[in-house]
C-alpha atoms as a PDB file:
ATOM      1  CA  MET A   1     120.183  72.432 118.501  1.00  0.00           C
ATOM      2  CA  PRO A   2     123.116  74.220 120.080  1.00  0.00           C
ATOM      3  CA  GLY A   3     123.047  77.958 119.710  1.00  0.00           C
ATOM      4  CA  GLY A   4     119.308  78.011 119.003  1.00  0.00           C
ATOM      5  CA  ARG A   5     119.739  77.065 115.325  1.00  0.00           C
ATOM      6  CA  ASP A   6     117.158  74.802 113.733  1.00  0.00           C
ATOM      7  CA  HIS A   7     118.910  74.335 110.401  1.00  0.00           C
ATOM      8  CA  GLU A   8     122.224  73.339 108.970  1.00  0.00           C
ATOM      9  CA  PRO A   9     124.650  76.045 107.909  1.00  0.00           C
ATOM     10  CA  GLY A  10     123.888  77.082 104.365  1.00  0.00           C
ATOM     11  CA  GLY A  11     120.641  75.113 104.329  1.00  0.00           C
ATOM     12  CA  ALA A  12     117.022  76.151 104.433  1.00  0.00           C
ATOM     13  CA  ALA A  13     115.412  76.513 107.823  1.00  0.00           C
ATOM     14  CA  ARG A  14     113.137  73.679 108.828  1.00  0.00           C
ATOM     15  CA  GLY A  15     109.554  74.536 107.946  1.00  0.00           C
ATOM     16  CA  GLU A  16     110.537  77.331 105.572  1.00  0.00           C
ATOM     17  CA  GLY A  17     108.216  75.931 102.898  1.00  0.00           C
ATOM     18  CA  ASP A  18     105.443  75.790 105.482  1.00  0.00           C
ATOM     19  CA  HIS A  19     105.856  79.507 106.131  1.00  0.00           C
ATOM     20  CA  ARG A  20     105.522  80.311 102.451  1.00  0.00           C
ATOM     21  CA  GLU A  21     102.361  78.209 102.268  1.00  0.00           C
ATOM     22  CA  ILE A  22     100.895  79.961 105.297  1.00  0.00           C
ATOM     23  CA  ILE A  23     101.668  83.387 103.841  1.00  0.00           C
ATOM     24  CA  ALA A  24     100.087  82.354 100.529  1.00  0.00           C
ATOM     25  CA  ARG A  25      96.947  81.113 102.279  1.00  0.00           C
ATOM     26  CA  LEU A  26      96.827  84.279 104.352  1.00  0.00           C
ATOM     27  CA  GLY A  27      97.053  86.329 101.161  1.00  0.00           C
ATOM     28  CA  GLU A  28      94.098  84.433  99.707  1.00  0.00           C
ATOM     29  CA  LYS A  29      92.006  85.128 102.806  1.00  0.00           C
ATOM     30  CA  ILE A  30      92.960  88.792 102.716  1.00  0.00           C
ATOM     31  CA  GLU A  31      91.916  89.127  99.082  1.00  0.00           C
ATOM     32  CA  LYS A  32      88.573  87.476  99.841  1.00  0.00           C
ATOM     33  CA  TYR A  33      87.722  89.612 102.854  1.00  0.00           C
ATOM     34  CA  ILE A  34      89.191  92.882 101.639  1.00  0.00           C
ATOM     35  CA  SER A  35      87.056  92.686  98.492  1.00  0.00           C
ATOM     36  CA  LYS A  36      83.887  91.800 100.423  1.00  0.00           C
ATOM     37  CA  LEU A  37      84.166  94.310 103.273  1.00  0.00           C
ATOM     38  CA  PRO A  38      83.357  97.563 101.395  1.00  0.00           C
ATOM     39  CA  SER A  39      79.922  96.365 100.295  1.00  0.00           C
ATOM     40  CA  VAL A  40      79.153  95.078 103.785  1.00  0.00           C
ATOM     41  CA  LEU A  41      80.198  98.412 105.291  1.00  0.00           C
ATOM     42  CA  ASN A  42      77.900 100.213 102.837  1.00  0.00           C
ATOM     43  CA  GLU A  43      74.965  98.024 103.855  1.00  0.00           C
ATOM     44  CA  CYS A  44      75.480  98.449 107.617  1.00  0.00           C
ATOM     45  CA  LYS A  45      73.141 100.873 109.340  1.00  0.00           C
ATOM     46  CA  PRO A  46      74.128 102.431 112.650  1.00  0.00           C
ATOM     47  CA  ARG A  47      71.351 102.696 115.232  1.00  0.00           C
ATOM     48  CA  ASP A  48      73.045 105.357 117.333  1.00  0.00           C
ATOM     49  CA  ARG A  49      76.296 107.272 117.834  1.00  0.00           C
ATOM     50  CA  ALA A  50      78.068 104.166 119.114  1.00  0.00           C
ATOM     51  CA  GLY A  51      77.108 102.357 115.928  1.00  0.00           C
ATOM     52  CA  GLU A  52      78.368 105.277 113.862  1.00  0.00           C
ATOM     53  CA  ARG A  53      81.674 105.144 115.722  1.00  0.00           C
ATOM     54  CA  LEU A  54      82.070 101.386 115.219  1.00  0.00           C
ATOM     55  CA  LEU A  55      81.268 101.727 111.530  1.00  0.00           C
ATOM     56  CA  ASP A  56      83.826 104.520 111.212  1.00  0.00           C
ATOM     57  CA  LEU A  57      86.480 102.452 112.993  1.00  0.00           C
ATOM     58  CA  ALA A  58      85.785  99.429 110.799  1.00  0.00           C
ATOM     59  CA  SER A  59      86.179 101.642 107.708  1.00  0.00           C
ATOM     60  CA  ARG A  60      89.481 102.954 109.037  1.00  0.00           C
ATOM     61  CA  TYR A  61      90.734  99.421 109.640  1.00  0.00           C
ATOM     62  CA  LEU A  62      89.830  98.555 106.042  1.00  0.00           C
ATOM     63  CA  HIS A  63      91.894 101.534 104.900  1.00  0.00           C
ATOM     64  CA  ASP A  64      94.792 100.386 107.096  1.00  0.00           C
ATOM     65  CA  ALA A  65      94.514  96.831 105.731  1.00  0.00           C
ATOM     66  CA  ARG A  66      94.892  98.157 102.198  1.00  0.00           C
ATOM     67  CA  TYR A  67      97.874 100.261 103.276  1.00  0.00           C
ATOM     68  CA  PHE A  68      99.656  97.245 104.740  1.00  0.00           C
ATOM     69  CA  LEU A  69      98.715  94.968 101.853  1.00  0.00           C
ATOM     70  CA  ASP A  70     100.170  97.456  99.350  1.00  0.00           C
ATOM     71  CA  ARG A  71     103.439  97.189 101.252  1.00  0.00           C
ATOM     72  CA  GLY A  72     103.413  93.405 101.384  1.00  0.00           C
ATOM     73  CA  GLU A  73     102.795  93.302 105.108  1.00  0.00           C
ATOM     74  CA  VAL A  74     100.213  90.534 105.019  1.00  0.00           C
ATOM     75  CA  VAL A  75     100.105  89.770 108.737  1.00  0.00           C
ATOM     76  CA  GLU A  76      99.340  93.390 109.562  1.00  0.00           C
ATOM     77  CA  ALA A  77      96.766  93.565 106.753  1.00  0.00           C
ATOM     78  CA  PHE A  78      95.034  90.429 108.021  1.00  0.00           C
ATOM     79  CA  THR A  79      95.046  91.794 111.570  1.00  0.00           C
ATOM     80  CA  CYS A  80      93.360  95.017 110.451  1.00  0.00           C
ATOM     81  CA  LEU A  81      90.731  93.086 108.522  1.00  0.00           C
ATOM     82  CA  SER A  82      90.068  90.900 111.552  1.00  0.00           C
ATOM     83  CA  TYR A  83      89.561  93.986 113.690  1.00  0.00           C
ATOM     84  CA  ALA A  84      87.184  95.511 111.137  1.00  0.00           C
ATOM     85  CA  TRP A  85      85.024  92.385 110.933  1.00  0.00           C
ATOM     86  CA  ALA A  86      85.097  92.005 114.726  1.00  0.00           C
ATOM     87  CA  LEU A  87      83.849  95.570 115.187  1.00  0.00           C
ATOM     88  CA  LEU A  88      80.915  94.871 112.882  1.00  0.00           C
ATOM     89  CA  ARG A  89      80.141  91.652 114.730  1.00  0.00           C
ATOM     90  CA  ALA A  90      80.346  93.368 118.111  1.00  0.00           C
ATOM     91  CA  GLY A  91      78.115  96.211 116.929  1.00  0.00           C
ATOM     92  CA  ALA A  92      75.520  93.723 115.720  1.00  0.00           C
ATOM     93  CA  GLU A  93      75.724  91.701 118.938  1.00  0.00           C
ATOM     94  CA  VAL A  94      75.141  94.682 121.214  1.00  0.00           C
ATOM     95  CA  GLY A  95      72.472  96.141 118.943  1.00  0.00           C
ATOM     96  CA  VAL A  96      74.111  99.356 117.774  1.00  0.00           C
ATOM     97  CA  LEU A  97      74.590  98.226 114.149  1.00  0.00           C
ATOM     98  CA  ASP A  98      72.240  96.599 111.697  1.00  0.00           C
ATOM     99  CA  VAL A  99      74.396  94.419 109.463  1.00  0.00           C
ATOM    100  CA  PRO A 100      73.426  92.381 106.409  1.00  0.00           C
ATOM    101  CA  GLU A 101      72.085  88.950 107.328  1.00  0.00           C
ATOM    102  CA  GLY A 102      74.768  86.271 107.405  1.00  0.00           C
ATOM    103  CA  GLU A 103      77.679  88.636 106.786  1.00  0.00           C
ATOM    104  CA  VAL A 104      79.260  88.729 110.233  1.00  0.00           C
END
């Protein structure tokens, strides 16, 4: 549309309902993974200093996810959780972290 507008004046933007649904689904995923991550972190065993560092970083990202979630910033919270889980997966893949079977 002219002027870069994708909605009529005074009307709802096209796809606005879709955005709310996406945010709601994202919130559900966050709740699932933010509640599961602490127990997984507690069960992880670092094999060396690199593993200790990855475990520490994953814990910090969990803390950051909670910070953002408390402020309603769900995209940032989800991003932090993704980073935390990815660090655990990477640590397991390269052999510096022992993680619970089937958790990452």
